[in-house]
C-alpha atoms as a PDB file:
ATOM      1  CA  MET A   1       5.880   2.633   1.068  1.00  0.00           C
ATOM      2  CA  PRO A   2       6.579   6.468   1.808  1.00  0.00           C
ATOM      3  CA  ASN A   3       4.227   8.980   1.314  1.00  0.00           C
ATOM      4  CA  GLY A   4       4.176  11.152  -1.855  1.00  0.00           C
ATOM      5  CA  TYR A   5       5.112  14.851  -2.154  1.00  0.00           C
ATOM      6  CA  PRO A   6       1.994  16.811  -1.051  1.00  0.00           C
ATOM      7  CA  ASN A   7       0.093  18.171  -3.782  1.00  0.00           C
ATOM      8  CA  GLU A   8       0.710  21.912  -2.863  1.00  0.00           C
ATOM      9  CA  LEU A   9       4.346  21.400  -3.622  1.00  0.00           C
ATOM     10  CA  ARG A  10       3.739  19.265  -7.004  1.00  0.00           C
ATOM     11  CA  PHE A  11       1.502  22.187  -8.360  1.00  0.00           C
ATOM     12  CA  ARG A  12       4.444  24.510  -7.284  1.00  0.00           C
ATOM     13  CA  ILE A  13       7.148  22.999  -8.966  1.00  0.00           C
ATOM     14  CA  LEU A  14       5.168  22.094 -12.368  1.00  0.00           C
ATOM     15  CA  ASP A  15       4.074  25.819 -12.676  1.00  0.00           C
ATOM     16  CA  TYR A  16       8.049  26.718 -12.173  1.00  0.00           C
ATOM     17  CA  TYR A  17       8.847  24.378 -15.035  1.00  0.00           C
ATOM     18  CA  ASP A  18       5.644  25.580 -17.244  1.00  0.00           C
ATOM     19  CA  ASP A  19       7.607  29.150 -16.632  1.00  0.00           C
ATOM     20  CA  ASN A  20       9.993  28.082 -19.227  1.00  0.00           C
ATOM     21  CA  HIS A  21      12.602  26.509 -16.618  1.00  0.00           C
ATOM     22  CA  THR A  22      14.171  23.171 -17.819  1.00  0.00           C
ATOM     23  CA  GLN A  23      14.038  20.074 -16.312  1.00  0.00           C
ATOM     24  CA  LYS A  24      17.609  20.510 -15.058  1.00  0.00           C
ATOM     25  CA  GLU A  25      17.038  23.861 -13.487  1.00  0.00           C
ATOM     26  CA  THR A  26      13.874  22.980 -11.806  1.00  0.00           C
ATOM     27  CA  CYS A  27      15.081  19.724 -10.314  1.00  0.00           C
ATOM     28  CA  ALA A  28      18.346  21.655  -8.974  1.00  0.00           C
ATOM     29  CA  VAL A  29      16.051  24.389  -7.676  1.00  0.00           C
ATOM     30  CA  PHE A  30      13.495  22.033  -5.889  1.00  0.00           C
ATOM     31  CA  GLN A  31      15.909  19.521  -5.082  1.00  0.00           C
ATOM     32  CA  ILE A  32      14.036  16.562  -6.685  1.00  0.00           C
ATOM     33  CA  SER A  33      14.960  13.897  -8.914  1.00  0.00           C
ATOM     34  CA  ARG A  34      14.405  14.526 -12.674  1.00  0.00           C
ATOM     35  CA  SER A  35      12.662  10.616 -12.866  1.00  0.00           C
ATOM     36  CA  THR A  36      10.107  12.315 -10.077  1.00  0.00           C
ATOM     37  CA  LEU A  37       9.622  15.733 -12.624  1.00  0.00           C
ATOM     38  CA  CYS A  38       9.471  13.371 -15.299  1.00  0.00           C
ATOM     39  CA  ALA A  39       6.829  10.780 -13.899  1.00  0.00           C
ATOM     40  CA  TRP A  40       4.722  14.245 -12.890  1.00  0.00           C
ATOM     41  CA  LEU A  41       4.767  15.469 -16.389  1.00  0.00           C
ATOM     42  CA  LYS A  42       3.381  12.008 -17.670  1.00  0.00           C
ATOM     43  CA  LEU A  43       0.711  12.210 -15.247  1.00  0.00           C
ATOM     44  CA  ARG A  44      -0.439  15.309 -15.575  1.00  0.00           C
ATOM     45  CA  GLN A  45      -0.536  14.690 -19.596  1.00  0.00           C
ATOM     46  CA  THR A  46      -2.550  11.138 -19.333  1.00  0.00           C
ATOM     47  CA  THR A  47      -4.951  12.227 -16.775  1.00  0.00           C
ATOM     48  CA  GLY A  48      -5.000  15.974 -16.748  1.00  0.00           C
ATOM     49  CA  SER A  49      -3.871  16.675 -13.144  1.00  0.00           C
ATOM     50  CA  ALA A  50      -0.642  15.718 -11.013  1.00  0.00           C
ATOM     51  CA  GLU A  51      -2.370  15.027  -7.846  1.00  0.00           C
ATOM     52  CA  LEU A  52      -1.320  12.618  -5.421  1.00  0.00           C
ATOM     53  CA  LYS A  53      -3.487   9.143  -5.857  1.00  0.00           C
ATOM     54  CA  PRO A  54      -5.647   8.979  -2.694  1.00  0.00           C
ATOM     55  CA  ARG A  55      -4.548   5.683  -0.526  1.00  0.00           C
ATOM     56  CA  PRO A  56      -6.784   3.191   0.570  1.00  0.00           C
ATOM     57  CA  LYS A  57      -7.849   3.658   4.407  1.00  0.00           C
ATOM     58  CA  GLN A  58      -8.128  -0.368   5.100  1.00  0.00           C
ATOM     59  CA  ARG A  59      -6.418  -3.338   3.525  1.00  0.00           C
ATOM     60  CA  HIS A  60      -8.979  -5.823   2.351  1.00  0.00           C
ATOM     61  CA  SER A  61      -8.453  -9.473   4.240  1.00  0.00           C
ATOM     62  CA  LYS A  62      -8.511 -12.226   2.322  1.00  0.00           C
ATOM     63  CA  ILE A  63      -9.442 -14.464   5.401  1.00  0.00           C
ATOM     64  CA  ASN A  64     -12.808 -13.782   7.219  1.00  0.00           C
ATOM     65  CA  GLU A  65     -13.182 -14.118  11.110  1.00  0.00           C
ATOM     66  CA  GLU A  66     -15.871 -16.733  11.536  1.00  0.00           C
ATOM     67  CA  PRO A  67     -14.597 -19.234   9.194  1.00  0.00           C
ATOM     68  CA  LEU A  68     -11.055 -19.097  10.732  1.00  0.00           C
ATOM     69  CA  ARG A  69     -12.343 -19.344  14.053  1.00  0.00           C
ATOM     70  CA  SER A  70     -14.917 -22.329  13.357  1.00  0.00           C
ATOM     71  CA  TYR A  71     -12.012 -23.970  11.721  1.00  0.00           C
ATOM     72  CA  ILE A  72      -9.749 -23.774  14.588  1.00  0.00           C
ATOM     73  CA  GLY A  73     -12.215 -24.732  16.851  1.00  0.00           C
ATOM     74  CA  ASP A  74     -12.796 -27.633  14.911  1.00  0.00           C
ATOM     75  CA  ASN A  75      -9.276 -28.900  14.270  1.00  0.00           C
ATOM     76  CA  PRO A  76      -7.348 -27.538  17.355  1.00  0.00           C
ATOM     77  CA  ASP A  77      -4.087 -29.446  16.369  1.00  0.00           C
ATOM     78  CA  ALA A  78      -3.590 -28.175  13.089  1.00  0.00           C
ATOM     79  CA  TYR A  79      -0.386 -26.411  12.287  1.00  0.00           C
ATOM     80  CA  PHE A  80      -0.342 -22.994  10.591  1.00  0.00           C
ATOM     81  CA  HIS A  81       0.635 -24.612   6.923  1.00  0.00           C
ATOM     82  CA  GLU A  82      -2.606 -26.877   7.187  1.00  0.00           C
ATOM     83  CA  ILE A  83      -5.174 -24.028   7.784  1.00  0.00           C
ATOM     84  CA  ALA A  84      -3.216 -22.072   5.217  1.00  0.00           C
ATOM     85  CA  GLU A  85      -3.940 -24.851   2.624  1.00  0.00           C
ATOM     86  CA  VAL A  86      -7.406 -24.879   3.318  1.00  0.00           C
ATOM     87  CA  PHE A  87      -8.029 -21.130   2.812  1.00  0.00           C
ATOM     88  CA  LYS A  88      -5.260 -20.757   0.080  1.00  0.00           C
ATOM     89  CA  VAL A  89      -3.084 -18.688   1.402  1.00  0.00           C
ATOM     90  CA  SER A  90       0.257 -18.574   3.202  1.00  0.00           C
ATOM     91  CA  GLY A  91       0.978 -19.894   6.482  1.00  0.00           C
ATOM     92  CA  VAL A  92       2.271 -16.160   7.758  1.00  0.00           C
ATOM     93  CA  ALA A  93      -1.107 -14.967   6.664  1.00  0.00           C
ATOM     94  CA  ILE A  94      -3.173 -17.093   9.094  1.00  0.00           C
ATOM     95  CA  LEU A  95      -0.579 -16.017  12.139  1.00  0.00           C
ATOM     96  CA  TYR A  96      -1.119 -12.969  11.380  1.00  0.00           C
ATOM     97  CA  ALA A  97      -5.039 -12.999  10.964  1.00  0.00           C
ATOM     98  CA  CYS A  98      -4.751 -14.875  14.452  1.00  0.00           C
ATOM     99  CA  ARG A  99      -3.169 -12.112  15.968  1.00  0.00           C
ATOM    100  CA  ARG A 100      -5.744  -9.581  14.220  1.00  0.00           C
ATOM    101  CA  TYR A 101      -8.723 -11.368  15.720  1.00  0.00           C
ATOM    102  CA  GLY A 102      -7.482 -12.358  18.405  1.00  0.00           C
ATOM    103  CA  ILE A 103      -7.608 -15.997  18.328  1.00  0.00           C
ATOM    104  CA  THR A 104      -4.928 -18.025  20.478  1.00  0.00           C
ATOM    105  CA  ARG A 105      -4.218 -21.951  20.370  1.00  0.00           C
ATOM    106  CA  LYS A 106      -3.225 -22.235  23.711  1.00  0.00           C
ATOM    107  CA  LYS A 107      -4.724 -25.341  24.947  1.00  0.00           C
ATOM    108  CA  SER A 108      -6.556 -25.035  28.123  1.00  0.00           C
END
């Protein structure tokens, strides 16, 4: 997901629109789409401000490291889709969790 327009630019565009310029003129001057301007106007009307919403710092993981390590330790021959059924996630989620936590399944 791309980053949004900076708050400073949003406020400058909305101030220009508030100075009795049409939506068409405002969009032409600042080279933004009309749907973007409409979305900002609606956001300002409902919340009182058209500021960019803060993004979360870290994603929430459904899979904790210790239970995953212990399950793989107890069941070293289990496939990703079998592990995924136990943790109620997809097999790809198990793959990414193993990469994130540095869990290898190579036999020694």
